[in-house]
Amino acid sequence: DGRVSPSPSFATSFGDAISASSSSLFAPTLGFASNLSHTIIKEAQEDDVHSIDSVDTADTTVSITDEELALQGAPWAKEGMLCRKQYWESTGKRAKDKSWTDVFVVIQKGTLNMFTFGEMSAASRGGGVGGGNWLSNATPMGTVTLAHSLAHVLPPPGYNRSRPHCFVLTLSTDAVYFFQAGTEDLVNEWVSTCNYWAARTSKEPLQGGVSNMEYGWSKVEQMQSNPQPNNSVDNSDAYSDVFSVRSGRSKISKRSFDVLGSARSNYSPFAMEKIFINDWKAPIPSTVPSMHDEETQMEALQKQVTILKRELSAHDKIQVPMQNMYQPRSPNFMKAMGNWEAKSKYLLAEVFKYETYVDCLRDAMSLRMKKRGEKVLERALDSGAEGESFNGLSLRPSRRGLREETIQEAEEPLTPGPSSAFSQHTREHATNS
């Protein structure tokens, strides 16, 4: 079905290794030229296997590798000149150098590599210009992993009026890069390539982890998971009475409030002011890349979207009960609300990110199936051209049982030349004499 793993392909035999190494002596190990050399080697291997196996079998399976797809460009691979500006290095840390720099960018197999070219690059490496390997003449300017990253196009007017065609790349470390391209179409291709490899290599977090840290809403979660029996005081009345008892308009007496506060201190704002609330922080994404194929990765991403939406819905439901557990504008009230808003923003961003992953992966899968269909058609046309028939007779020689036949021909009479005709006429004249 054309599915392949994101791991690169290598030679599988000693002879193939020799041919691969000899053909890649001057070929770079990154970019379009590398994908082209890998594709040529693999196609040669497939042709050899097909020429042997096609005698006895009619194998119609056609696969398309990552190297072949990379030759098609976005979203499987992309390379070209961009103007780069790093804005953030990490969370809350601005980049030291925020100037715009022209870099040669190569996106391939889940990484984004940046290079510059100049006189210092070749001299610093001690090599000369040329030789077929552009990496020897390039200076690395950084490599970033695209797992758990997200790229999006800057809406008009872009970064500013002088830089209208730009996109933003936010990494899992919260590092932020601005990139400027030449046209709007190029920006869209760069964004689709970044998000495709982010979707392909991002591994969903493990589920089921329980933390004993207090962020301000653990009491509400306990009450929701362990609801009180029917003969207990109603929760909504308890929330309202907590505030109305201080003004003398409560449905229950002050003595009942004291009993409620001592027996069920979860509802007491005074008791909640005594607890320590930690700062909520977003979980660290997995550093292990996903090794699934596209279909399996799609299922994992869709499942993660469902989990995130369910968690976001549950988090929204605890807002009002949590607010009623604290005194208004108290330190713990402000801290709990800050934690709630931080987690809410995180969940919303995660839902948007994983939905973007699903859309990009779905588009890439549809395009891959289209490219695979084109390859199947091309192979069918090639095989049909070799097996054309004339008046019902196949002109394609059979590989099986192919043997040479010798055609017996009759001895062809010699044609007399001028010298032989002159000698024959001389003999006839002598006989008559």
Protein backbone atom coordinates (compact mmCIF):
# COMPACT_ATOMS: atom_id res chain seq x y z
CA ASP A 1 0.00 0.00 0.00
CA GLY A 2 2.97 2.29 -0.25
CA ARG A 3 3.49 2.74 3.51
CA VAL A 4 7.07 3.07 4.65
CA SER A 5 8.72 3.84 7.93
CA PRO A 6 10.42 7.20 8.44
CA SER A 7 13.80 5.48 8.79
CA PRO A 8 16.21 5.94 5.87
CA SER A 9 17.00 3.12 3.49
CA PHE A 10 20.44 1.59 3.25
CA ALA A 11 22.20 -1.03 1.14
CA THR A 12 21.32 -4.59 2.13
CA SER A 13 24.15 -6.59 0.62
CA PHE A 14 27.90 -6.34 0.22
CA GLY A 15 27.66 -5.67 -3.49
CA ASP A 16 24.97 -3.07 -2.99
CA ALA A 17 27.05 -1.44 -0.28
CA ILE A 18 30.01 -1.17 -2.63
CA SER A 19 27.92 0.36 -5.39
CA ALA A 20 26.21 2.70 -2.93
CA SER A 21 29.45 3.84 -1.39
CA SER A 22 31.11 4.37 -4.75
CA SER A 23 28.15 6.35 -6.08
CA SER A 24 27.95 8.48 -2.94
CA LEU A 25 31.59 9.44 -2.68
CA PHE A 26 30.80 12.92 -3.93
CA ALA A 27 27.09 12.97 -3.03
CA PRO A 28 25.88 14.92 -0.02
CA THR A 29 24.17 13.08 2.81
CA LEU A 30 21.38 15.63 3.05
CA GLY A 31 18.91 17.26 0.72
CA PHE A 32 17.65 16.63 -2.80
CA ALA A 33 20.89 15.09 -4.12
CA SER A 34 20.92 12.55 -1.29
CA ASN A 35 17.31 11.55 -1.95
CA LEU A 36 18.04 11.27 -5.66
CA SER A 37 21.04 8.97 -5.14
CA HIS A 38 19.08 6.75 -2.75
CA THR A 39 16.19 6.58 -5.20
CA ILE A 40 18.43 5.63 -8.13
CA ILE A 41 20.07 2.85 -6.13
CA LYS A 42 16.74 1.49 -4.91
CA GLU A 43 15.17 1.60 -8.37
CA ALA A 44 18.13 -0.32 -9.75
CA GLN A 45 17.65 -2.95 -7.05
CA GLU A 46 13.92 -3.16 -7.75
CA ASP A 47 14.56 -3.57 -11.49
CA ASP A 48 16.97 -6.43 -10.81
CA VAL A 49 14.49 -8.14 -8.50
CA HIS A 50 11.63 -7.55 -10.93
CA SER A 51 13.57 -8.99 -13.87
CA ILE A 52 14.16 -12.21 -11.91
CA ASP A 53 10.84 -12.60 -10.11
CA SER A 54 8.61 -11.52 -12.99
CA VAL A 55 9.38 -14.77 -14.82
CA ASP A 56 7.36 -16.91 -12.43
CA THR A 57 5.22 -14.41 -10.53
CA ALA A 58 2.99 -11.54 -11.40
CA ASP A 59 3.58 -9.24 -8.44
CA THR A 60 1.45 -6.13 -8.65
CA THR A 61 2.57 -4.60 -5.36
CA VAL A 62 3.99 -1.14 -5.94
CA SER A 63 5.55 0.75 -3.04
CA ILE A 64 6.77 4.29 -2.89
CA THR A 65 9.61 5.15 -0.54
CA ASP A 66 10.30 8.26 1.47
CA GLU A 67 13.18 9.11 -0.87
CA GLU A 68 10.88 9.00 -3.90
CA LEU A 69 8.33 11.18 -2.13
CA ALA A 70 11.05 13.58 -1.05
CA LEU A 71 11.90 14.16 -4.71
CA GLN A 72 8.33 15.44 -5.17
CA GLY A 73 8.96 18.25 -2.68
CA ALA A 74 6.45 19.47 -0.11
CA PRO A 75 5.18 18.13 2.22
CA TRP A 76 7.74 15.31 2.33
CA ALA A 77 10.86 17.46 1.90
CA LYS A 78 11.77 21.04 1.21
CA GLU A 79 14.97 22.98 0.71
CA GLY A 80 15.81 26.51 -0.34
CA MET A 81 16.94 29.94 0.76
CA LEU A 82 15.06 31.68 3.57
CA CYS A 83 15.64 34.72 5.73
CA ARG A 84 15.61 33.71 9.41
CA LYS A 85 15.12 35.55 12.68
CA GLN A 86 15.12 33.87 16.08
CA TYR A 87 12.84 35.61 18.54
CA TRP A 88 12.76 33.29 21.58
CA GLU A 89 15.38 30.76 22.68
CA SER A 90 13.14 29.13 25.29
CA THR A 91 10.29 29.99 27.65
CA GLY A 92 10.78 33.55 28.82
CA LYS A 93 14.28 33.84 27.32
CA ARG A 94 14.72 36.20 24.40
CA ALA A 95 17.25 35.43 21.70
CA LYS A 96 20.54 37.32 21.95
CA ASP A 97 20.80 37.89 18.22
CA LYS A 98 17.46 38.88 16.69
CA SER A 99 18.79 40.05 13.34
CA TRP A 100 17.60 38.63 10.01
CA THR A 101 20.04 36.17 8.40
CA ASP A 102 19.92 34.48 4.99
CA VAL A 103 20.15 30.72 5.47
CA PHE A 104 19.82 27.64 3.29
CA VAL A 105 17.18 25.45 4.93
CA VAL A 106 16.73 21.71 4.40
CA ILE A 107 13.75 19.89 5.93
CA GLN A 108 14.10 16.13 5.78
CA LYS A 109 13.01 13.21 7.96
CA GLY A 110 11.80 15.25 10.92
CA THR A 111 14.65 17.78 11.21
CA LEU A 112 15.18 21.31 9.97
CA ASN A 113 18.79 22.08 9.10
CA MET A 114 20.14 25.58 8.45
CA PHE A 115 23.35 26.51 6.59
CA THR A 116 25.14 29.53 5.24
CA PHE A 117 27.55 29.76 2.31
CA GLY A 118 30.54 32.04 2.05
CA GLU A 119 34.29 32.27 1.75
CA MET A 120 34.84 31.38 5.39
CA SER A 121 32.92 28.10 5.20
CA ALA A 122 35.22 26.34 2.72
CA ALA A 123 38.38 27.82 4.19
CA SER A 124 37.46 26.84 7.71
CA ARG A 125 36.93 23.26 6.62
CA GLY A 126 40.21 23.17 4.73
CA GLY A 127 38.52 22.14 1.51
CA GLY A 128 38.09 23.64 -1.90
CA VAL A 129 34.99 24.62 -3.77
CA GLY A 130 33.37 21.93 -5.90
CA GLY A 131 33.58 18.17 -5.69
CA GLY A 132 29.82 17.61 -5.83
CA ASN A 133 29.19 17.77 -2.07
CA TRP A 134 27.70 21.14 -1.13
CA LEU A 135 27.93 20.30 2.57
CA SER A 136 31.70 20.70 2.42
CA ASN A 137 31.19 24.33 1.41
CA ALA A 138 28.43 25.10 3.94
CA THR A 139 28.56 26.35 7.52
CA PRO A 140 25.94 24.79 9.84
CA MET A 141 23.73 27.36 11.52
CA GLY A 142 21.70 25.02 13.67
CA THR A 143 19.49 21.93 13.53
CA VAL A 144 16.09 21.72 15.18
CA THR A 145 13.79 18.76 15.73
CA LEU A 146 10.28 19.25 14.39
CA ALA A 147 8.56 16.84 16.78
CA HIS A 148 5.84 18.62 18.80
CA SER A 149 6.44 21.86 16.86
CA LEU A 150 3.87 23.95 15.03
CA ALA A 151 4.25 26.24 12.03
CA HIS A 152 1.70 28.76 10.82
CA VAL A 153 1.55 31.53 8.24
CA LEU A 154 1.61 35.12 9.42
CA PRO A 155 -1.55 36.84 8.13
CA PRO A 156 -1.25 40.06 6.11
CA PRO A 157 0.74 42.25 6.31
CA GLY A 158 3.10 39.49 7.47
CA TYR A 159 5.97 40.43 9.76
CA ASN A 160 5.74 43.98 8.42
CA ARG A 161 5.13 45.65 5.07
CA SER A 162 8.68 45.05 3.91
CA ARG A 163 8.46 41.33 4.86
CA PRO A 164 4.95 40.26 3.79
CA HIS A 165 5.56 36.52 3.20
CA CYS A 166 6.59 35.03 6.55
CA PHE A 167 5.76 32.06 8.75
CA VAL A 168 6.42 31.28 12.41
CA LEU A 169 7.89 28.04 13.73
CA THR A 170 7.33 27.30 17.44
CA LEU A 171 9.34 24.39 18.81
CA SER A 172 8.57 22.11 21.74
CA THR A 173 11.10 24.07 23.81
CA ASP A 174 9.06 27.25 23.15
CA ALA A 175 11.82 28.56 20.89
CA VAL A 176 10.33 30.74 18.14
CA TYR A 177 11.73 31.38 14.66
CA PHE A 178 10.50 33.73 11.95
CA PHE A 179 11.20 32.73 8.34
CA GLN A 180 10.69 34.87 5.26
CA ALA A 181 10.11 33.34 1.81
CA GLY A 182 9.69 34.86 -1.64
CA THR A 183 6.01 34.18 -2.32
CA GLU A 184 2.84 33.13 -0.53
CA ASP A 185 2.88 29.72 -2.23
CA LEU A 186 6.41 29.05 -0.97
CA VAL A 187 5.36 29.97 2.56
CA ASN A 188 2.49 27.49 2.40
CA GLU A 189 4.84 24.75 1.17
CA TRP A 190 7.29 25.39 4.01
CA VAL A 191 4.48 25.37 6.58
CA SER A 192 2.97 22.13 5.25
CA THR A 193 6.38 20.41 5.28
CA CYS A 194 7.15 21.50 8.85
CA ASN A 195 3.74 20.41 10.13
CA TYR A 196 3.85 17.11 8.21
CA TRP A 197 7.06 16.00 9.89
CA ALA A 198 5.83 17.33 13.22
CA ALA A 199 2.74 15.17 12.82
CA ARG A 200 4.79 12.19 11.63
CA THR A 201 7.35 12.20 14.47
CA SER A 202 5.39 13.54 17.48
CA LYS A 203 4.67 10.84 20.04
CA GLU A 204 1.56 11.25 22.14
CA PRO A 205 2.11 11.48 25.93
CA LEU A 206 1.44 8.54 28.20
CA GLN A 207 -1.97 8.54 29.84
CA GLY A 208 -2.94 7.59 33.37
CA GLY A 209 -0.40 9.62 35.32
CA VAL A 210 -1.66 10.94 38.67
CA SER A 211 -0.02 13.83 40.47
CA ASN A 212 -0.43 14.69 44.16
CA MET A 213 0.48 18.33 43.57
CA GLU A 214 -2.12 20.88 44.62
CA TYR A 215 -2.89 23.43 41.90
CA GLY A 216 -6.10 24.75 43.43
CA TRP A 217 -8.76 22.36 42.14
CA SER A 218 -7.93 18.95 43.63
CA LYS A 219 -10.75 19.27 46.20
CA VAL A 220 -13.29 19.83 43.43
CA GLU A 221 -12.00 16.78 41.53
CA GLN A 222 -12.32 14.68 44.69
CA MET A 223 -15.92 15.79 45.19
CA GLN A 224 -16.72 15.08 41.55
CA SER A 225 -15.17 11.63 41.70
CA ASN A 226 -16.76 10.84 45.12
CA PRO A 227 -20.17 12.53 45.20
CA GLN A 228 -21.88 12.93 48.60
CA PRO A 229 -24.98 10.83 49.41
CA ASN A 230 -28.44 12.29 48.94
CA ASN A 231 -29.02 12.98 52.65
CA SER A 232 -26.10 15.37 52.79
CA VAL A 233 -26.26 19.11 52.31
CA ASP A 234 -26.64 20.10 48.65
CA ASN A 235 -23.40 21.30 47.10
CA SER A 236 -24.92 24.34 45.40
CA ASP A 237 -26.52 25.47 48.67
CA ALA A 238 -23.23 24.98 50.46
CA TYR A 239 -21.39 27.14 47.89
CA SER A 240 -23.95 29.96 48.19
CA ASP A 241 -24.27 29.72 51.96
CA VAL A 242 -20.52 30.03 52.39
CA PHE A 243 -20.75 33.63 51.17
CA SER A 244 -24.26 34.56 52.36
CA VAL A 245 -23.67 33.47 55.97
CA ARG A 246 -21.29 36.38 56.42
CA SER A 247 -24.02 38.82 55.44
CA GLY A 248 -26.71 37.19 57.62
CA ARG A 249 -28.82 36.04 54.61
CA SER A 250 -27.88 32.39 54.73
CA LYS A 251 -30.41 29.56 54.65
CA ILE A 252 -28.53 27.89 57.49
CA SER A 253 -27.51 29.20 60.85
CA LYS A 254 -24.05 30.24 61.84
CA ARG A 255 -23.85 27.17 64.07
CA SER A 256 -24.73 24.92 61.13
CA PHE A 257 -22.05 26.72 59.08
CA ASP A 258 -19.46 26.02 61.77
CA VAL A 259 -20.43 22.36 61.82
CA LEU A 260 -20.33 22.25 58.02
CA GLY A 261 -16.94 23.95 57.97
CA SER A 262 -15.45 21.55 60.51
CA ALA A 263 -17.02 18.36 59.24
CA ARG A 264 -16.64 19.17 55.53
CA SER A 265 -13.78 21.61 55.45
CA ASN A 266 -13.48 21.20 51.66
CA TYR A 267 -16.15 23.87 51.26
CA SER A 268 -14.73 26.37 53.75
CA PRO A 269 -13.00 29.36 52.17
CA PHE A 270 -11.08 29.94 55.37
CA ALA A 271 -9.67 26.40 55.31
CA MET A 272 -8.72 26.71 51.64
CA GLU A 273 -6.62 29.76 52.43
CA LYS A 274 -4.34 27.63 54.58
CA ILE A 275 -3.29 25.19 51.83
CA PHE A 276 -0.22 25.65 49.66
CA ILE A 277 -0.88 25.92 45.93
CA ASN A 278 1.90 25.06 43.50
CA ASP A 279 2.49 26.71 40.15
CA TRP A 280 1.03 24.65 37.35
CA LYS A 281 3.44 23.87 34.53
CA ALA A 282 2.78 22.26 31.18
CA PRO A 283 4.00 18.65 30.91
CA ILE A 284 7.22 18.08 29.02
CA PRO A 285 6.56 16.45 25.61
CA SER A 286 8.09 13.11 24.80
CA THR A 287 11.61 13.25 23.41
CA VAL A 288 11.23 9.81 21.79
CA PRO A 289 10.13 10.16 18.15
CA SER A 290 7.22 8.15 16.87
CA MET A 291 8.14 5.27 14.56
CA HIS A 292 4.61 4.54 13.32
CA ASP A 293 3.65 4.52 9.69
CA GLU A 294 1.26 7.19 8.50
CA GLU A 295 -1.96 5.21 9.08
CA THR A 296 -1.05 4.13 12.61
CA GLN A 297 0.19 7.61 13.45
CA MET A 298 -3.10 9.06 12.20
CA GLU A 299 -5.06 6.81 14.56
CA ALA A 300 -2.84 7.80 17.50
CA LEU A 301 -3.25 11.51 16.75
CA GLN A 302 -7.01 11.26 16.41
CA LYS A 303 -7.19 9.41 19.72
CA GLN A 304 -5.10 12.14 21.36
CA VAL A 305 -7.48 14.83 20.05
CA THR A 306 -10.42 13.00 21.66
CA ILE A 307 -8.57 12.70 24.98
CA LEU A 308 -7.62 16.38 24.98
CA LYS A 309 -11.16 17.54 24.23
CA ARG A 310 -12.53 15.37 27.03
CA GLU A 311 -9.94 16.75 29.44
CA LEU A 312 -10.69 20.32 28.35
CA SER A 313 -14.41 19.80 28.95
CA ALA A 314 -13.78 18.42 32.44
CA HIS A 315 -11.42 21.29 33.20
CA ASP A 316 -14.04 23.87 32.21
CA LYS A 317 -16.59 22.32 34.57
CA ILE A 318 -14.44 22.82 37.67
CA GLN A 319 -14.04 26.58 37.24
CA VAL A 320 -17.16 27.74 39.10
CA PRO A 321 -16.92 25.22 41.96
CA MET A 322 -13.26 26.10 42.39
CA GLN A 323 -14.00 29.82 42.56
CA ASN A 324 -16.63 29.23 45.26
CA MET A 325 -14.08 27.46 47.44
CA TYR A 326 -11.95 30.57 47.97
CA GLN A 327 -12.50 34.04 49.30
CA PRO A 328 -12.76 36.49 46.42
CA ARG A 329 -9.49 38.13 45.45
CA SER A 330 -7.58 36.25 48.12
CA PRO A 331 -3.99 35.12 47.36
CA ASN A 332 -4.99 31.48 46.90
CA PHE A 333 -7.98 32.51 44.78
CA MET A 334 -5.74 34.46 42.42
CA LYS A 335 -3.16 31.67 42.28
CA ALA A 336 -5.75 28.95 41.64
CA MET A 337 -7.34 31.01 38.88
CA GLY A 338 -3.94 31.66 37.33
CA ASN A 339 -3.24 27.93 37.30
CA TRP A 340 -6.68 27.18 35.86
CA GLU A 341 -6.24 29.70 33.05
CA ALA A 342 -2.72 28.42 32.27
CA LYS A 343 -3.93 24.83 31.94
CA SER A 344 -6.95 25.92 29.91
CA LYS A 345 -4.73 27.77 27.43
CA TYR A 346 -2.42 24.76 27.23
CA LEU A 347 -5.27 22.36 26.47
CA LEU A 348 -6.71 24.68 23.84
CA ALA A 349 -3.30 25.00 22.18
CA GLU A 350 -2.79 21.22 22.28
CA VAL A 351 -6.19 20.58 20.70
CA PHE A 352 -5.41 23.04 17.90
CA LYS A 353 -1.93 21.57 17.41
CA TYR A 354 -3.06 17.94 17.18
CA GLU A 355 -5.99 18.83 14.93
CA THR A 356 -3.48 20.56 12.64
CA TYR A 357 -1.37 17.40 12.70
CA VAL A 358 -4.36 15.28 11.72
CA ASP A 359 -5.27 17.58 8.82
CA CYS A 360 -1.69 17.71 7.50
CA LEU A 361 -1.23 13.96 7.75
CA ARG A 362 -4.56 13.30 6.05
CA ASP A 363 -3.64 15.59 3.14
CA ALA A 364 -0.22 13.95 2.81
CA MET A 365 -1.75 10.46 2.81
CA SER A 366 -4.17 11.44 0.04
CA LEU A 367 -1.34 12.93 -1.99
CA ARG A 368 0.82 9.85 -1.40
CA MET A 369 -1.91 7.56 -2.71
CA LYS A 370 -2.21 9.79 -5.77
CA LYS A 371 1.54 9.58 -6.40
CA ARG A 372 1.44 5.82 -5.89
CA GLY A 373 -1.38 5.56 -8.44
CA GLU A 374 0.69 7.52 -10.92
CA LYS A 375 3.59 5.15 -10.35
CA VAL A 376 1.36 2.11 -10.87
CA LEU A 377 0.04 3.63 -14.11
CA GLU A 378 3.53 4.45 -15.32
CA ARG A 379 4.72 0.91 -14.63
CA ALA A 380 1.66 -0.54 -16.37
CA LEU A 381 2.30 1.60 -19.44
CA ASP A 382 5.95 0.55 -19.52
CA SER A 383 5.08 -3.12 -19.26
CA GLY A 384 2.33 -2.70 -21.86
CA ALA A 385 4.77 -1.10 -24.31
CA GLU A 386 7.09 -4.06 -23.93
CA GLY A 387 4.28 -6.55 -24.51
CA GLU A 388 2.54 -5.03 -27.55
CA SER A 389 0.93 -7.45 -30.01
CA PHE A 390 0.47 -7.45 -33.77
CA ASN A 391 -2.40 -9.46 -35.33
CA GLY A 392 -2.81 -11.35 -32.05
CA LEU A 393 0.83 -12.34 -31.89
CA SER A 394 2.83 -11.07 -28.90
CA LEU A 395 5.96 -9.19 -29.86
CA ARG A 396 7.35 -9.42 -26.31
CA PRO A 397 9.84 -12.28 -26.06
CA SER A 398 9.13 -14.80 -23.35
CA ARG A 399 11.75 -14.81 -20.61
CA ARG A 400 10.92 -18.34 -19.60
CA GLY A 401 12.25 -21.02 -21.89
CA LEU A 402 14.03 -18.51 -24.07
CA ARG A 403 16.46 -20.30 -26.41
CA GLU A 404 18.31 -19.51 -29.55
CA GLU A 405 17.19 -21.20 -32.79
CA THR A 406 19.38 -21.62 -35.87
CA ILE A 407 17.69 -21.03 -39.21
CA GLN A 408 18.88 -23.45 -41.88
CA GLU A 409 19.36 -21.60 -45.14
CA ALA A 410 20.03 -23.03 -48.62
CA GLU A 411 23.37 -22.36 -50.24
CA GLU A 412 23.11 -19.15 -52.18
CA PRO A 413 24.55 -19.34 -55.78
CA LEU A 414 27.43 -17.11 -56.44
CA THR A 415 26.88 -14.20 -58.79
CA PRO A 416 29.56 -14.16 -61.50
CA GLY A 417 31.70 -11.09 -61.66
CA PRO A 418 33.36 -9.47 -64.66
CA SER A 419 36.59 -11.48 -64.34
CA SER A 420 34.81 -14.81 -64.10
CA ALA A 421 32.68 -14.02 -67.18
CA PHE A 422 35.81 -13.12 -69.24
CA SER A 423 37.55 -16.40 -68.31
CA GLN A 424 34.46 -18.46 -69.22
CA HIS A 425 34.23 -16.77 -72.64
CA THR A 426 37.93 -17.55 -73.29
CA ARG A 427 37.41 -21.27 -72.51
CA GLU A 428 34.42 -21.52 -74.85
CA HIS A 429 36.37 -19.85 -77.71
CA ALA A 430 39.29 -22.27 -77.31
CA THR A 431 36.97 -25.27 -77.42
CA ASN A 432 35.37 -24.16 -80.67
CA SER A 433 38.70 -23.66 -82.24
